[in-house]
């Protein structure tokens, strides 16, 4: 079937999910690009929360999913690696699972007294996670390794794709902030992504301007409703924290994990309904039972990262083919720049700059927001 001459305005939403959620997203995006010929980094809007903001920032900066898959597997690219913003170091291959202490004396008591007391006084104004976030102590882990990963793809400023949004929460009142939008504080991409990933009680909050920010998952693991009013024709949401499939829960940890996934799924469904009421088509892609079994209950573990990534490729490929979405999306979405969709069949030394290709996708950066 021939591609439409008027491609839809597309939003891509990448949800939270820790280290293993990020691995699943990488595999899912590789499957999506391979099966449709579309470049996910070219979406009109890319909304990333926590792990989704890290993966979203990389594709918005021109790092193709196929490159991330090969790089994660340990492949060496020679000098081309650093030129493409992904120098193959062991830290970089970890997918952000590099944990270093923040260089400040730990503080005692709630991490945010204003959020803690505000959530106590008006609990109905806050998401369930926000009711807990303020009372947790400030995390001991530094976000600098996360920033370093982003800076290898985008040394400064914002991503070449002006529609990228990194979702974080103001640590003072739990308010959601979509960095990259016109009504958000100005921030470098690395700082915004680190803020979106700063899990309360684990990572130290990220200071941008005169405010501290924490993980956007405090508000929602998906934040699909950020695209309300954006005028998208189609939104594709990949959400590692929810699933349509029920796995058997044998331990207390597994029961708690499934309860969290069920809550995330209900929130995702509610956000999707609101978008659909606007007339936006929404496609939801979620982990299967096999994916969930591989992820386990500790999403911040890097031990099973490669297994989860490879399963993500397999399960999403199967889903696209069995549902017929592969052909449908291939016919409707614009063909991506070949080198950003599939690995070039020539030596790495002859590959073009991914950053330059990403900039070519958006020659006239429209006003963000």
Protein backbone atom coordinates (compact mmCIF):
# COMPACT_ATOMS: atom_id res chain seq x y z
CA UNK A 1 0.00 0.00 0.00
CA UNK A 2 1.34 3.45 -0.88
CA UNK A 3 2.17 5.86 1.90
CA UNK A 4 -0.18 8.75 2.47
CA UNK A 5 0.86 12.07 0.99
CA UNK A 6 -0.42 13.77 4.13
CA UNK A 7 1.20 11.98 7.07
CA UNK A 8 -0.54 12.33 10.43
CA UNK A 9 0.73 14.55 13.20
CA UNK A 10 2.25 12.00 15.54
CA UNK A 11 2.95 11.93 19.26
CA UNK A 12 5.21 9.33 20.84
CA UNK A 13 4.86 8.71 24.58
CA UNK A 14 7.54 6.77 26.47
CA UNK A 15 6.65 5.84 30.03
CA UNK A 16 8.58 5.32 33.24
CA UNK A 17 10.08 2.00 34.29
CA UNK A 18 13.57 2.27 35.75
CA UNK A 19 16.63 0.62 34.22
CA UNK A 20 14.69 -2.39 32.95
CA UNK A 21 11.84 -0.26 31.66
CA UNK A 22 14.37 1.71 29.64
CA UNK A 23 15.76 -1.53 28.24
CA UNK A 24 12.29 -2.67 27.21
CA UNK A 25 11.62 0.72 25.57
CA UNK A 26 14.84 0.44 23.57
CA UNK A 27 13.84 -2.95 22.23
CA UNK A 28 10.27 -1.82 21.56
CA UNK A 29 11.42 1.23 19.58
CA UNK A 30 13.80 -0.90 17.53
CA UNK A 31 10.93 -3.24 16.67
CA UNK A 32 8.66 -0.31 15.80
CA UNK A 33 11.23 1.26 13.48
CA UNK A 34 12.14 -2.05 11.82
CA UNK A 35 8.55 -3.14 11.20
CA UNK A 36 7.22 0.21 9.93
CA UNK A 37 10.19 1.99 8.34
CA UNK A 38 9.36 5.02 10.50
CA UNK A 39 11.93 6.90 12.58
CA UNK A 40 10.50 7.29 16.13
CA UNK A 41 12.82 10.24 16.77
CA UNK A 42 11.02 12.20 14.05
CA UNK A 43 7.67 12.27 15.89
CA UNK A 44 6.10 15.72 16.15
CA UNK A 45 6.05 15.29 19.92
CA UNK A 46 8.06 12.92 22.09
CA UNK A 47 6.91 12.81 25.72
CA UNK A 48 9.26 11.01 28.09
CA UNK A 49 8.83 10.24 31.78
CA UNK A 50 11.75 9.01 33.91
CA UNK A 51 13.38 6.15 31.93
CA UNK A 52 11.24 7.22 28.99
CA UNK A 53 12.78 10.69 29.10
CA UNK A 54 16.28 9.20 28.82
CA UNK A 55 15.40 7.01 25.83
CA UNK A 56 13.30 9.80 24.32
CA UNK A 57 16.14 12.32 24.62
CA UNK A 58 18.51 9.95 22.82
CA UNK A 59 16.22 9.31 19.84
CA UNK A 60 15.25 13.01 19.72
CA UNK A 61 18.98 13.76 19.46
CA UNK A 62 19.45 11.35 16.57
CA UNK A 63 20.65 8.15 18.24
CA UNK A 64 18.77 5.40 16.36
CA UNK A 65 17.19 2.50 18.28
CA UNK A 66 19.22 0.00 16.22
CA UNK A 67 22.43 1.72 17.36
CA UNK A 68 21.34 1.56 21.01
CA UNK A 69 20.53 -2.14 20.66
CA UNK A 70 23.91 -2.96 19.11
CA UNK A 71 25.77 -0.75 21.55
CA UNK A 72 24.02 -2.31 24.55
CA UNK A 73 25.01 -5.76 23.31
CA UNK A 74 28.67 -4.73 23.53
CA UNK A 75 29.43 -4.07 19.88
CA UNK A 76 32.48 -1.91 19.18
CA UNK A 77 32.19 0.85 16.59
CA UNK A 78 35.69 2.32 16.74
CA UNK A 79 36.09 6.11 16.44
CA UNK A 80 32.57 6.42 15.03
CA UNK A 81 31.17 5.71 18.51
CA UNK A 82 32.27 8.97 20.07
CA UNK A 83 31.38 10.92 16.94
CA UNK A 84 27.83 9.58 17.14
CA UNK A 85 27.51 10.61 20.78
CA UNK A 86 27.75 7.11 22.19
CA UNK A 87 31.36 6.29 22.99
CA UNK A 88 31.33 2.62 23.98
CA UNK A 89 32.35 2.73 27.64
CA UNK A 90 31.17 0.27 30.27
CA UNK A 91 29.31 3.08 32.07
CA UNK A 92 27.48 4.00 28.88
CA UNK A 93 26.52 0.39 28.17
CA UNK A 94 24.87 0.15 31.59
CA UNK A 95 21.84 2.15 30.47
CA UNK A 96 22.17 4.58 33.37
CA UNK A 97 22.71 1.91 36.03
CA UNK A 98 25.79 3.67 37.38
CA UNK A 99 25.15 4.58 41.00
CA UNK A 100 27.39 7.13 42.67
CA UNK A 101 26.82 9.03 45.87
CA UNK A 102 25.79 12.65 45.64
CA UNK A 103 28.62 14.88 46.88
CA UNK A 104 26.79 16.50 49.75
CA UNK A 105 26.08 15.69 53.37
CA UNK A 106 22.84 13.65 53.56
CA UNK A 107 19.87 15.50 55.05
CA UNK A 108 17.56 14.07 57.68
CA UNK A 109 13.79 14.18 57.64
CA UNK A 110 11.40 14.64 54.71
CA UNK A 111 13.00 15.60 51.43
CA UNK A 112 10.37 18.29 50.82
CA UNK A 113 8.54 19.65 53.85
CA UNK A 114 6.30 21.79 51.65
CA UNK A 115 5.18 18.81 49.54
CA UNK A 116 4.86 16.56 52.60
CA UNK A 117 2.70 19.02 54.53
CA UNK A 118 0.76 20.09 51.44
CA UNK A 119 -0.12 16.51 50.58
CA UNK A 120 -1.17 15.92 54.17
CA UNK A 121 -3.44 18.98 54.19
CA UNK A 122 -4.93 18.40 50.71
CA UNK A 123 -4.39 14.77 49.72
CA UNK A 124 -7.08 14.95 47.04
CA UNK A 125 -4.93 17.37 45.04
CA UNK A 126 -2.03 14.96 44.71
CA UNK A 127 -1.35 11.70 42.90
CA UNK A 128 -0.81 8.72 45.24
CA UNK A 129 2.95 8.72 44.63
CA UNK A 130 3.16 12.40 45.55
CA UNK A 131 1.63 11.63 48.95
CA UNK A 132 4.74 9.57 49.69
CA UNK A 133 7.39 11.48 47.74
CA UNK A 134 7.57 14.52 50.00
CA UNK A 135 8.03 12.43 53.15
CA UNK A 136 10.94 10.40 51.78
CA UNK A 137 14.44 11.69 52.61
CA UNK A 138 16.46 13.23 49.81
CA UNK A 139 18.08 10.50 47.76
CA UNK A 140 21.77 9.72 48.15
CA UNK A 141 22.47 8.82 44.52
CA UNK A 142 23.84 11.40 42.08
CA UNK A 143 22.18 12.07 38.74
CA UNK A 144 25.51 13.05 37.14
CA UNK A 145 25.92 9.66 35.35
CA UNK A 146 22.49 10.20 33.78
CA UNK A 147 23.47 13.68 32.63
CA UNK A 148 26.73 12.35 31.17
CA UNK A 149 24.82 9.83 29.04
CA UNK A 150 22.58 12.56 27.62
CA UNK A 151 25.50 14.92 26.98
CA UNK A 152 27.20 12.31 24.80
CA UNK A 153 24.20 12.62 22.48
CA UNK A 154 23.51 16.35 22.97
CA UNK A 155 26.40 18.28 24.56
CA UNK A 156 24.36 21.39 25.31
CA UNK A 157 21.05 23.10 24.71
CA UNK A 158 17.93 21.18 23.70
CA UNK A 159 17.43 18.16 21.43
CA UNK A 160 17.34 18.73 17.65
CA UNK A 161 13.68 17.66 17.82
CA UNK A 162 11.95 20.71 19.37
CA UNK A 163 8.90 18.61 20.26
CA UNK A 164 10.70 16.62 22.94
CA UNK A 165 9.22 16.95 26.44
CA UNK A 166 10.90 15.67 29.61
CA UNK A 167 8.32 15.31 32.37
CA UNK A 168 9.35 16.12 35.95
CA UNK A 169 7.61 17.29 39.12
CA UNK A 170 8.30 20.40 41.17
CA UNK A 171 9.59 19.09 44.50
CA UNK A 172 7.91 21.92 46.36
CA UNK A 173 4.30 21.23 45.42
CA UNK A 174 4.26 18.14 43.15
CA UNK A 175 3.20 20.19 40.12
CA UNK A 176 3.97 18.56 36.78
CA UNK A 177 6.44 20.37 34.52
CA UNK A 178 6.98 19.48 30.86
CA UNK A 179 10.50 20.71 30.15
CA UNK A 180 10.80 21.76 26.52
CA UNK A 181 7.38 23.39 26.43
CA UNK A 182 6.96 27.15 26.25
CA UNK A 183 5.57 27.44 29.79
CA UNK A 184 8.38 25.46 31.46
CA UNK A 185 11.63 26.91 32.86
CA UNK A 186 14.54 26.91 30.42
CA UNK A 187 16.84 23.94 30.92
CA UNK A 188 19.59 22.05 29.15
CA UNK A 189 18.47 18.66 27.92
CA UNK A 190 20.75 16.77 30.33
CA UNK A 191 19.39 18.60 33.38
CA UNK A 192 15.77 18.13 32.31
CA UNK A 193 16.23 14.39 31.76
CA UNK A 194 18.03 13.99 35.09
CA UNK A 195 15.15 15.78 36.81
CA UNK A 196 12.63 13.49 35.11
CA UNK A 197 14.60 10.45 36.35
CA UNK A 198 15.22 11.64 39.94
CA UNK A 199 13.26 9.02 41.90
CA UNK A 200 12.41 10.51 45.34
CA UNK A 201 14.33 8.81 48.12
CA UNK A 202 16.84 7.30 45.66
CA UNK A 203 18.29 10.07 43.48
CA UNK A 204 19.12 13.52 44.80
CA UNK A 205 16.68 16.13 43.41
CA UNK A 206 17.86 18.16 40.43
CA UNK A 207 18.07 21.94 40.75
CA UNK A 208 16.96 23.93 37.68
CA UNK A 209 16.74 27.67 38.17
CA UNK A 210 15.64 28.26 41.75
CA UNK A 211 13.61 25.04 42.12
CA UNK A 212 14.29 21.38 42.82
CA UNK A 213 12.66 18.75 40.59
CA UNK A 214 12.04 15.02 40.90
CA UNK A 215 10.80 12.10 38.82
CA UNK A 216 7.81 12.79 36.58
CA UNK A 217 6.46 9.37 37.57
CA UNK A 218 5.37 11.00 40.84
CA UNK A 219 2.49 12.43 38.78
CA UNK A 220 1.95 9.56 36.33
CA UNK A 221 4.04 6.74 34.89
CA UNK A 222 2.81 7.66 31.40
CA UNK A 223 1.75 11.35 31.36
CA UNK A 224 -0.09 10.69 28.11
CA UNK A 225 -2.41 13.60 28.84
CA UNK A 226 0.42 16.09 28.29
CA UNK A 227 -0.60 15.85 24.63
CA UNK A 228 -4.16 17.04 25.25
CA UNK A 229 -4.75 19.99 22.96
CA UNK A 230 -1.58 19.30 20.93
CA UNK A 231 -3.61 18.47 17.82
CA UNK A 232 -2.08 15.04 17.24
CA UNK A 233 -3.83 12.71 14.82
CA UNK A 234 -2.08 9.66 16.22
CA UNK A 235 -0.33 8.94 19.53
CA UNK A 236 1.77 5.81 20.05
CA UNK A 237 2.38 5.09 23.74
CA UNK A 238 4.95 2.56 24.98
CA UNK A 239 4.44 2.05 28.71
CA UNK A 240 6.72 -0.39 30.60
CA UNK A 241 4.92 0.11 33.93
CA UNK A 242 1.56 -1.33 32.84
CA UNK A 243 0.42 -4.52 31.17
CA UNK A 244 -2.71 -6.12 29.78
CA UNK A 245 -1.34 -9.49 30.83
CA UNK A 246 -1.62 -10.92 34.34
CA UNK A 247 1.29 -12.90 35.69
CA UNK A 248 0.96 -15.17 38.71
CA UNK A 249 2.09 -13.46 41.91
CA UNK A 250 3.99 -15.80 44.20
CA UNK A 251 5.67 -13.41 46.63
CA UNK A 252 4.78 -10.20 48.45
CA UNK A 253 7.13 -8.27 46.15
CA UNK A 254 5.40 -9.64 43.07
CA UNK A 255 1.97 -8.78 44.48
CA UNK A 256 3.11 -5.22 45.17
CA UNK A 257 4.60 -4.96 41.69
CA UNK A 258 1.35 -6.12 40.09
CA UNK A 259 -0.63 -3.66 42.21
CA UNK A 260 1.62 -0.85 40.93
CA UNK A 261 1.20 -2.03 37.35
CA UNK A 262 -2.57 -2.22 37.74
CA UNK A 263 -2.66 1.36 39.05
CA UNK A 264 -0.40 2.51 36.21
CA UNK A 265 -2.65 0.75 33.71
CA UNK A 266 -5.77 2.42 35.06
CA UNK A 267 -4.09 5.81 34.85
CA UNK A 268 -2.89 5.09 31.31
CA UNK A 269 -6.39 4.04 30.28
CA UNK A 270 -7.92 7.19 31.74
CA UNK A 271 -5.41 9.40 29.95
CA UNK A 272 -5.95 7.53 26.67
CA UNK A 273 -9.73 8.01 26.93
CA UNK A 274 -9.32 11.75 27.31
CA UNK A 275 -7.18 11.92 24.18
CA UNK A 276 -9.60 9.76 22.23
CA UNK A 277 -12.45 12.06 23.24
CA UNK A 278 -10.55 14.83 21.42
CA UNK A 279 -10.53 12.70 18.29
CA UNK A 280 -6.92 11.48 18.62
CA UNK A 281 -6.18 7.87 17.72
CA UNK A 282 -4.19 6.22 20.52
CA UNK A 283 -2.17 3.02 20.19
CA UNK A 284 -0.99 1.47 23.46
CA UNK A 285 1.91 -0.99 23.55
CA UNK A 286 2.66 -2.72 26.86
CA UNK A 287 4.86 -5.57 28.13
CA UNK A 288 3.77 -9.20 27.85
CA UNK A 289 3.94 -11.87 30.56
CA UNK A 290 7.37 -12.92 29.27
CA UNK A 291 8.58 -9.33 29.52
CA UNK A 292 7.23 -9.03 33.05
CA UNK A 293 8.86 -12.29 34.16
CA UNK A 294 12.20 -11.07 32.85
CA UNK A 295 11.85 -7.66 34.51
CA UNK A 296 10.99 -9.09 37.91
CA UNK A 297 10.25 -6.76 40.82
CA UNK A 298 13.45 -4.68 40.91
CA UNK A 299 13.30 -2.37 37.90
CA UNK A 300 16.57 -0.67 38.91
CA UNK A 301 18.60 -3.86 38.48
CA UNK A 302 20.95 -4.04 35.52
CA UNK A 303 21.54 -7.80 35.77
CA UNK A 304 18.73 -8.72 33.36
CA UNK A 305 18.93 -5.60 31.20
CA UNK A 306 20.08 -7.28 27.98
CA UNK A 307 17.54 -10.07 28.33
CA UNK A 308 14.71 -7.56 28.80
CA UNK A 309 15.88 -5.53 25.79
CA UNK A 310 15.97 -8.58 23.52
CA UNK A 311 12.56 -9.74 24.73
CA UNK A 312 11.21 -6.24 24.06
CA UNK A 313 12.31 -6.50 20.44
CA UNK A 314 10.70 -9.93 20.11
CA UNK A 315 7.41 -9.25 21.91
CA UNK A 316 6.70 -5.91 20.24
CA UNK A 317 7.60 -7.32 16.81
CA UNK A 318 5.12 -10.15 17.40
CA UNK A 319 2.46 -7.73 18.62
CA UNK A 320 2.80 -5.46 15.59
CA UNK A 321 2.64 -8.36 13.15
CA UNK A 322 -0.22 -10.25 14.84
CA UNK A 323 -2.34 -7.10 15.21
CA UNK A 324 -1.66 -5.89 11.68
CA UNK A 325 -0.28 -2.63 13.02
CA UNK A 326 2.99 -3.15 11.18
CA UNK A 327 1.40 -2.75 7.76
CA UNK A 328 -1.11 -0.14 8.88
CA UNK A 329 1.53 2.13 10.41
CA UNK A 330 3.96 1.52 7.55
CA UNK A 331 1.30 2.81 5.14
CA UNK A 332 0.43 5.88 7.20
CA UNK A 333 3.67 7.07 8.76
CA UNK A 334 6.36 8.90 6.75
CA UNK A 335 9.42 6.90 5.80
CA UNK A 336 12.33 7.74 8.08
CA UNK A 337 15.86 8.69 7.09
CA UNK A 338 17.27 5.24 6.23
CA UNK A 339 20.33 5.43 8.51
CA UNK A 340 18.12 6.32 11.48
CA UNK A 341 15.76 3.39 10.84
CA UNK A 342 18.08 0.52 9.95
CA UNK A 343 21.78 -0.11 10.23
CA UNK A 344 23.63 0.92 7.06
CA UNK A 345 25.16 -1.95 5.11
CA UNK A 346 28.59 -0.37 4.94
CA UNK A 347 31.52 0.12 7.31
CA UNK A 348 30.89 2.26 10.39
CA UNK A 349 33.64 4.63 9.31
CA UNK A 350 31.44 5.72 6.39
CA UNK A 351 28.30 6.37 8.43
CA UNK A 352 26.99 9.95 8.44
CA UNK A 353 26.72 11.96 11.65
CA UNK A 354 23.51 11.02 13.45
CA UNK A 355 23.39 14.47 15.02
CA UNK A 356 23.46 16.09 11.58
CA UNK A 357 20.72 13.77 10.35
CA UNK A 358 18.62 14.60 13.42
CA UNK A 359 19.02 18.31 12.74
CA UNK A 360 17.97 17.73 9.12
CA UNK A 361 14.68 16.24 10.34
CA UNK A 362 13.71 19.63 11.78
CA UNK A 363 15.40 22.32 9.64
CA UNK A 364 13.14 25.04 11.00
CA UNK A 365 12.59 24.39 14.68
CA UNK A 366 9.03 25.42 15.38
CA UNK A 367 8.09 27.12 18.61
CA UNK A 368 8.03 24.58 21.42
CA UNK A 369 4.66 24.18 23.06
